[in-house]
Each structure stands twice: as structure tokens, then as C-alpha cells.
Protein backbone atom coordinates (compact mmCIF):
# COMPACT_ATOMS: atom_id res chain seq x y z
CA MET A 1 13.99 -13.12 5.18
CA VAL A 2 13.99 -13.10 1.39
CA ILE A 3 13.68 -9.32 1.06
CA GLN A 4 16.78 -8.73 3.19
CA GLU A 5 18.83 -11.47 1.53
CA LYS A 6 18.43 -10.26 -2.08
CA ALA A 7 20.53 -7.14 -2.63
CA PHE A 8 18.45 -5.68 -5.46
CA LEU A 9 15.12 -6.35 -3.73
CA ARG A 10 16.42 -4.91 -0.46
CA LYS A 11 17.35 -1.65 -2.21
CA LEU A 12 13.93 -1.50 -3.85
CA TYR A 13 12.13 -1.96 -0.54
CA ALA A 14 14.42 0.59 1.09
CA GLU A 15 13.34 3.13 -1.53
CA TRP A 16 9.68 2.20 -1.02
CA TYR A 17 10.06 2.70 2.71
CA ASP A 18 11.79 6.06 2.25
CA THR A 19 8.96 7.14 -0.06
CA ILE A 20 6.36 6.16 2.54
CA ILE A 21 8.24 7.91 5.35
CA ALA A 22 8.49 11.10 3.26
CA ALA A 23 4.72 11.02 2.71
CA LEU A 24 3.84 10.89 6.43
CA PRO A 25 2.04 13.90 7.87
CA ASP A 26 4.16 16.28 9.91
CA ALA A 27 4.55 14.86 13.41
CA THR A 28 4.10 18.23 15.09
CA ALA A 29 0.80 18.85 13.30
CA VAL A 30 -0.42 15.25 13.57
CA PRO A 31 1.24 13.46 16.51
CA GLY A 32 0.65 9.80 17.28
CA ASN A 33 1.66 6.27 16.39
CA VAL A 34 2.15 4.90 12.89
CA LEU A 35 0.77 1.43 12.19
CA GLU A 36 2.23 -0.81 9.49
CA ILE A 37 -0.18 -3.48 8.29
CA GLY A 38 1.30 -6.60 6.71
CA SER A 39 4.82 -6.17 8.06
CA GLY A 40 5.67 -9.77 7.12
CA GLY A 41 9.25 -10.22 6.00
CA GLY A 42 9.88 -6.51 5.52
CA PHE A 43 12.22 -4.24 7.46
CA LEU A 44 10.39 -0.92 7.79
CA LYS A 45 10.67 -1.21 11.56
CA ASP A 46 14.47 -1.22 11.24
CA LYS A 47 14.19 2.26 9.76
CA CYS A 48 11.47 3.43 12.15
CA PRO A 49 11.56 1.44 15.41
CA SER A 50 8.66 3.43 16.86
CA PHE A 51 6.25 2.16 14.18
CA ILE A 52 3.78 -0.52 15.27
CA SER A 53 4.34 -3.59 13.10
CA SER A 54 1.46 -6.01 12.51
CA GLU A 55 0.50 -9.15 10.66
CA VAL A 56 -2.48 -11.51 10.44
CA PHE A 57 -0.50 -14.28 12.14
CA ALA A 58 2.15 -14.42 14.83
CA THR A 59 5.64 -14.00 13.43
CA PRO A 60 8.97 -12.92 14.99
CA GLY A 61 9.50 -9.19 15.25
CA VAL A 62 5.84 -8.25 14.81
CA ASP A 63 4.27 -6.18 17.59
CA ILE A 64 0.64 -7.15 17.16
CA VAL A 65 -1.55 -9.68 15.36
CA LEU A 66 -4.65 -8.07 13.87
CA ASP A 67 -7.37 -8.22 11.25
CA GLY A 68 -7.09 -5.27 8.88
CA GLN A 69 -10.88 -5.16 8.66
CA SER A 70 -11.28 -4.44 12.38
CA LEU A 71 -8.42 -2.45 13.87
CA PRO A 72 -7.84 -2.71 17.65
CA PHE A 73 -7.13 0.99 18.18
CA ALA A 74 -9.04 3.85 19.71
CA SER A 75 -10.77 6.33 17.45
CA SER A 76 -8.55 9.15 16.16
CA SER A 77 -5.46 7.60 17.74
CA LEU A 78 -3.10 6.99 14.80
CA ARG A 79 -0.96 9.45 12.89
CA ALA A 80 -0.91 7.12 9.88
CA ILE A 81 -1.44 3.62 8.56
CA VAL A 82 1.15 2.38 6.07
CA MET A 83 1.44 -0.79 4.01
CA VAL A 84 3.44 -2.31 1.18
CA ASP A 85 1.86 -4.89 -1.15
CA THR A 86 -0.90 -5.57 1.39
CA LEU A 87 -4.23 -3.93 0.51
CA HIS A 88 -4.97 -6.46 -2.23
CA HIS A 89 -4.77 -9.30 0.33
CA ILE A 90 -7.43 -7.86 2.66
CA PRO A 91 -10.64 -9.90 2.17
CA ASN A 92 -12.87 -6.82 2.10
CA CYS A 93 -10.93 -3.58 1.70
CA GLY A 94 -14.14 -1.59 2.13
CA LEU A 95 -14.22 -2.75 5.75
CA PHE A 96 -10.60 -1.71 6.12
CA PHE A 97 -11.23 1.83 4.90
CA ALA A 98 -14.35 2.10 7.05
CA ASP A 99 -12.30 1.34 10.16
CA ALA A 100 -9.18 3.20 9.02
CA ARG A 101 -11.16 6.45 8.80
CA ARG A 102 -12.14 5.88 12.42
CA VAL A 103 -8.69 5.24 13.90
CA VAL A 104 -6.69 7.77 11.85
CA LYS A 105 -6.57 11.33 13.18
CA GLU A 106 -7.76 14.32 11.24
CA ARG A 107 -5.11 15.06 8.60
CA GLY A 108 -3.66 11.63 9.32
CA ARG A 109 -2.89 9.46 6.32
CA ILE A 110 -3.18 6.00 4.82
CA ILE A 111 -0.12 5.42 2.64
CA MET A 112 0.25 2.40 0.38
CA LEU A 113 2.51 0.97 -2.30
CA GLU A 114 0.41 -1.50 -4.27
CA PRO A 115 0.24 -3.34 -7.62
CA TRP A 116 -1.24 -1.25 -10.44
CA ASN A 117 -3.28 -2.08 -13.51
CA SER A 118 -1.42 -0.26 -16.28
CA ALA A 119 -1.27 -1.90 -19.70
CA TRP A 120 2.23 -3.22 -18.96
CA GLY A 121 1.47 -4.07 -15.34
CA ARG A 122 -1.62 -6.06 -16.32
CA TRP A 123 0.35 -8.14 -18.82
CA VAL A 124 3.11 -8.86 -16.30
CA TYR A 125 0.78 -9.77 -13.46
CA ARG A 126 -1.36 -12.01 -15.61
CA ASN A 127 1.51 -13.80 -17.31
CA LEU A 128 4.50 -13.73 -14.97
CA HIS A 129 3.10 -13.40 -11.46
CA HIS A 130 1.72 -16.10 -9.18
CA GLU A 131 -1.11 -14.10 -7.57
CA PRO A 132 -4.55 -13.59 -9.16
CA PHE A 133 -4.99 -10.32 -11.04
CA VAL A 134 -8.63 -9.69 -11.93
CA PRO A 135 -9.36 -6.07 -12.97
CA GLU A 136 -12.85 -7.07 -14.13
CA ALA A 137 -13.84 -8.21 -10.61
CA ALA A 138 -17.30 -6.97 -9.73
CA ASN A 139 -16.54 -5.85 -6.20
CA TRP A 140 -13.85 -4.96 -3.67
CA THR A 141 -13.82 -8.32 -1.90
CA LEU A 142 -11.88 -11.54 -2.44
CA SER A 143 -14.93 -13.78 -2.03
CA ASP A 144 -14.68 -15.04 -5.62
CA ILE A 145 -10.88 -15.45 -5.62
CA ALA A 146 -9.37 -18.91 -5.18
CA GLY A 147 -7.15 -19.47 -2.18
CA THR A 148 -7.49 -20.62 1.39
CA GLY A 149 -4.93 -18.67 3.43
CA PRO A 150 -4.45 -14.98 4.23
CA LEU A 151 -1.51 -14.75 1.82
CA SER A 152 -2.70 -17.09 -0.93
CA ARG A 153 -5.95 -15.21 -1.56
CA ALA A 154 -5.47 -11.91 -3.35
CA ASN A 155 -6.51 -9.77 -6.28
CA GLY A 156 -3.64 -7.56 -7.38
CA ALA A 157 -6.05 -5.33 -9.30
CA ILE A 158 -7.97 -4.24 -6.17
CA PRO A 159 -5.99 -0.98 -5.69
CA TRP A 160 -6.72 0.04 -9.30
CA ILE A 161 -10.38 -0.96 -8.95
CA VAL A 162 -10.80 1.18 -5.83
CA PHE A 163 -8.69 4.20 -6.80
CA SER A 164 -9.22 4.36 -10.56
CA ARG A 165 -12.16 2.39 -11.91
CA GLU A 166 -14.39 3.14 -8.90
CA ARG A 167 -12.79 6.31 -7.58
CA GLU A 168 -16.15 8.07 -7.43
CA ARG A 169 -17.58 5.21 -5.38
CA PHE A 170 -14.67 5.55 -2.95
CA ALA A 171 -15.30 9.28 -2.64
CA SER A 172 -19.02 8.82 -1.96
CA SER A 173 -18.50 5.87 0.40
CA PHE A 174 -15.80 7.58 2.45
CA PRO A 175 -16.40 11.34 2.26
CA GLU A 176 -14.08 11.82 5.25
CA LEU A 177 -11.14 10.55 3.17
CA ASN A 178 -9.39 12.57 0.49
CA ILE A 179 -7.24 10.91 -2.19
CA LEU A 180 -4.10 13.04 -2.29
CA ALA A 181 -2.03 11.03 -4.78
CA VAL A 182 -2.03 7.98 -7.02
CA LYS A 183 1.40 7.71 -8.66
CA PRO A 184 2.19 4.66 -10.86
CA ASP A 185 5.89 3.71 -11.09
CA TYR A 186 8.40 0.82 -11.03
CA PRO A 187 7.67 -0.95 -14.35
CA PHE A 188 10.99 -2.83 -14.48
CA SER A 189 12.85 -2.72 -11.16
CA TYR A 190 10.59 -5.20 -9.36
CA LEU A 191 10.93 -7.62 -12.27
CA ALA A 192 14.71 -7.18 -12.28
CA SER A 193 14.79 -7.92 -8.53
CA GLY A 194 13.04 -11.26 -9.04
CA GLY A 195 10.53 -10.31 -6.37
CA VAL A 196 10.13 -12.63 -3.39
CA SER A 197 9.54 -15.81 -5.39
CA MET A 198 12.17 -15.83 -8.17
CA ARG A 199 15.90 -15.38 -8.34
CA ALA A 200 17.16 -11.87 -9.09
CA LEU A 201 17.51 -11.12 -12.78
CA SER A 202 19.96 -8.26 -12.21
CA PRO A 203 22.74 -7.68 -9.63
CA GLY A 204 22.23 -5.34 -6.72
CA TRP A 205 24.64 -2.71 -8.05
CA SER A 206 22.42 -2.21 -11.12
CA PHE A 207 19.43 -1.03 -9.06
CA PHE A 208 20.20 2.66 -9.56
CA LEU A 209 20.61 2.15 -13.32
CA TRP A 210 17.14 0.63 -13.51
CA ARG A 211 15.67 3.42 -11.40
CA GLY A 212 17.36 5.99 -13.62
CA LEU A 213 15.70 4.43 -16.65
CA GLU A 214 12.34 4.41 -14.91
CA ARG A 215 12.65 8.07 -13.94
CA ALA A 216 13.48 8.93 -17.55
CA LEU A 217 10.25 7.19 -18.56
CA SER A 218 8.13 8.92 -15.90
CA PRO A 219 5.76 10.57 -18.44
CA PHE A 220 4.72 7.08 -19.55
CA MET A 221 4.02 5.61 -16.09
CA PRO A 222 0.22 5.62 -16.53
CA CYS A 223 0.81 2.96 -19.20
CA LEU A 224 3.88 1.30 -17.68
CA GLY A 225 3.73 1.45 -13.88
CA MET A 226 3.55 -1.91 -12.09
CA PHE A 227 3.09 -0.35 -8.65
CA ALA A 228 1.46 2.83 -7.42
CA LEU A 229 2.04 5.05 -4.43
CA ILE A 230 -1.40 5.85 -3.03
CA ILE A 231 -1.87 8.53 -0.36
CA VAL A 232 -5.22 9.09 1.35
CA GLU A 233 -5.80 11.70 4.04
CA ARG A 234 -8.58 12.02 6.59
CA LYS A 235 -10.18 15.41 6.15
CA PRO A 236 -10.51 17.78 9.12
CA SER A 237 -13.99 18.01 10.57
CA ARG A 238 -16.10 20.84 9.31
CA THR A 239 -16.54 23.59 11.82
CA CYS A 240 -19.72 25.58 11.88
CA SER A 241 -19.42 29.34 11.76
CA PRO A 242 -21.50 31.15 14.35
CA ILE A 243 -24.76 32.59 13.09
CA LEU A 244 -24.80 36.34 13.51
CA THR A 245 -28.09 37.98 14.33
């Protein structure tokens, strides 16, 4: 497992996982299971063994194989859905959100860490990254993106398209879902880690130095962030007040 074997990358993912866990709804207010989509080579389940891990193909350590566009769970059964670097691989993320709003409980959340289309992020993804990055794509699907497999087809700009360029469309398409946060970050640490496909450019012990630099630059993350934490919550149902006569 590449993520576990590279010290810097492992620390980065550990921070991502801690950030996701901290963003979960309170378990007493919103009980239920948490589903991770796209568990792959990650280790979130090591931190939270009760989470349901999933992938689009059978792989060791994964609890269930599923299609993110059609989730095999009962309505209002999940406390949360979480994912890291996954949304932009789903062939039609509109179908995902349509089904996610069904299976997530009221005040339950969809929590993601995804690539982001800042000025710096766009340059990096287009020049130094192996996956397609097409912010000018006309829609939320991958139908026009080259690739044949579930991991080879992607558009890293999809999260930005949905939650920035077409945020109003998201709001009108999914009125039950409320965007709580979109926080760009991590302009350098993922590059320094080498990601999953290159060798690390910086030793593991330097991770906290890089993160300190990134925190110091936090006011500039809208222009610099390579990833964004995105938190979406299912709104509680409206209750009708009795009509007094």
C-alpha cells in the first residue's frame, strides 16, 4: 500500500482523516453508520474500524463493492458518507448526490477532500499530474473524458465545477442539501509527498514544517489550495405549524 509505505504521504493522509472525523455530525444527535467511498489503498478504517469501507472492485480489507451512483443502503440510514480524492472519479456525480441525499439521515453529512481549481492548483494538475483536469467541462459527468477503467477516468476539476462554478445549480438541484464549508488548502504538502505515483520529494520528518508554512499562508488559499475540504449536510425536514382557527 503506497500510502502507508511513504512516511510523508502517510502523515498527510492521517491529517486528512482526522479532519474528516472532526467534521462528522455528533453521534448522539445523528446515530448510524459511516460509509467511506473509494477506500482503495487508504487506512481510514484503521482509525475508525466501525466505518463501512467500499470500492468499485473487490480488494482486500474492503467491506462492500458498490457503485457510488446507486448506493445499496436504506433511506435515511447513514450518519455520513466520507471520501478522499474520490468524487472526481464518479462517472456522474449528480447521480451520486441524488442517492446520497436519500441514504443520509437528516443532519447527516457528506464530507470530502478533493482536488481544487485554484490558480496554483490548476497549473499543478495540468502540468505535473497524470489525471485529466478540465475546469471548462460542460457538465458534471466523465462521458467526454478519456479512460476506460474506474480509476483511469477522472476530471480533477469536478469538485470545483460543482461547488464553485455551478454552486447555484447544486443548490437548486439538491435543495435538501446544504453546503456547510468549502475550504481550499494543501498547496505544497501533497507535492512534497510525491503523491501515490512519484517518489517523495521531502522526508517524512519535514511534514510538519510544510504544514506550518501552509497554515501561515492560509489567507491565500483561495489562490493556492490544491485540495479542498467540502462539507455538505442534509437539511432537516420542514415541519408544518398547526393552523390556529
